[in-house]
Amino acid sequence: MAGMIKRMIDNIIEKKTKGNPTLVLTTKTKFILKGLDPDFYTASSPDDPAIIAKLKTIASEMGITL
């Protein structure tokens, strides 16, 4: 199922920022610092189990439940 990574990224950003544009940029920067560019992934990006595991770890570090 393609696009799972994009949905996970969007879900984390939505839960973490609650729509605050400043926090969206800060959260995206945190993703980049952890090795994931959120703008790189689209709804048609293939699902990579390693990236999904990394996103679960990042979400856990941010206190987000997926």
Protein backbone atom coordinates (compact mmCIF):
# COMPACT_ATOMS: atom_id res chain seq x y z
CA MET A 1 0.00 0.00 0.00
CA ALA A 2 1.80 3.10 -1.22
CA GLY A 3 1.60 6.36 0.70
CA MET A 4 1.70 4.99 4.23
CA ILE A 5 4.87 6.96 5.02
CA LYS A 6 3.28 10.23 3.86
CA ARG A 7 0.17 9.56 5.97
CA MET A 8 2.31 8.77 9.02
CA ILE A 9 4.35 11.97 8.58
CA ASP A 10 1.20 14.06 8.17
CA ASN A 11 -0.37 12.39 11.20
CA ILE A 12 2.67 13.09 13.40
CA ILE A 13 2.85 16.72 12.24
CA GLU A 14 -0.89 17.23 12.79
CA LYS A 15 -0.86 15.76 16.29
CA LYS A 16 2.33 17.56 17.33
CA THR A 17 1.50 21.03 15.95
CA LYS A 18 -2.30 21.21 16.21
CA GLY A 19 -2.25 23.47 13.13
CA ASN A 20 0.27 26.05 14.35
CA PRO A 21 2.29 27.04 11.22
CA THR A 22 5.41 27.88 13.22
CA LEU A 23 5.39 24.49 14.90
CA VAL A 24 4.86 22.79 11.52
CA LEU A 25 8.15 24.23 10.27
CA THR A 26 9.92 23.32 13.49
CA THR A 27 8.59 19.77 13.40
CA LYS A 28 9.62 19.33 9.75
CA THR A 29 13.08 20.54 10.71
CA LYS A 30 13.23 17.89 13.44
CA PHE A 31 12.38 15.24 10.85
CA ILE A 32 15.20 16.50 8.62
CA LEU A 33 17.67 16.46 11.52
CA LYS A 34 16.70 12.84 12.17
CA GLY A 35 17.37 11.92 8.54
CA LEU A 36 13.89 12.12 6.99
CA ASP A 37 12.80 14.87 4.60
CA PRO A 38 9.00 15.05 4.96
CA ASP A 39 8.67 16.86 1.62
CA PHE A 40 10.38 13.98 -0.19
CA TYR A 41 7.51 11.54 0.43
CA THR A 42 4.23 11.67 -1.49
CA ALA A 43 1.04 9.65 -1.56
CA SER A 44 2.57 7.49 -4.29
CA SER A 45 5.88 6.82 -2.50
CA PRO A 46 6.53 3.12 -1.90
CA ASP A 47 6.36 1.92 1.67
CA ASP A 48 9.79 1.10 3.09
CA PRO A 49 9.69 -0.90 6.34
CA ALA A 50 12.91 0.77 7.56
CA ILE A 51 11.43 4.26 7.13
CA ILE A 52 8.17 3.21 8.79
CA ALA A 53 10.13 1.87 11.78
CA LYS A 54 12.11 5.11 11.94
CA LEU A 55 8.86 7.13 11.90
CA LYS A 56 7.47 5.04 14.75
CA THR A 57 10.63 5.78 16.74
CA ILE A 58 10.43 9.50 16.00
CA ALA A 59 6.74 9.59 16.96
CA SER A 60 7.54 7.81 20.22
CA GLU A 61 10.32 10.31 20.99
CA MET A 62 7.86 13.16 20.38
CA GLY A 63 5.25 11.56 22.63
CA ILE A 64 2.89 10.82 19.71
CA THR A 65 0.89 7.60 19.46
CA LEU A 66 0.32 6.38 15.91
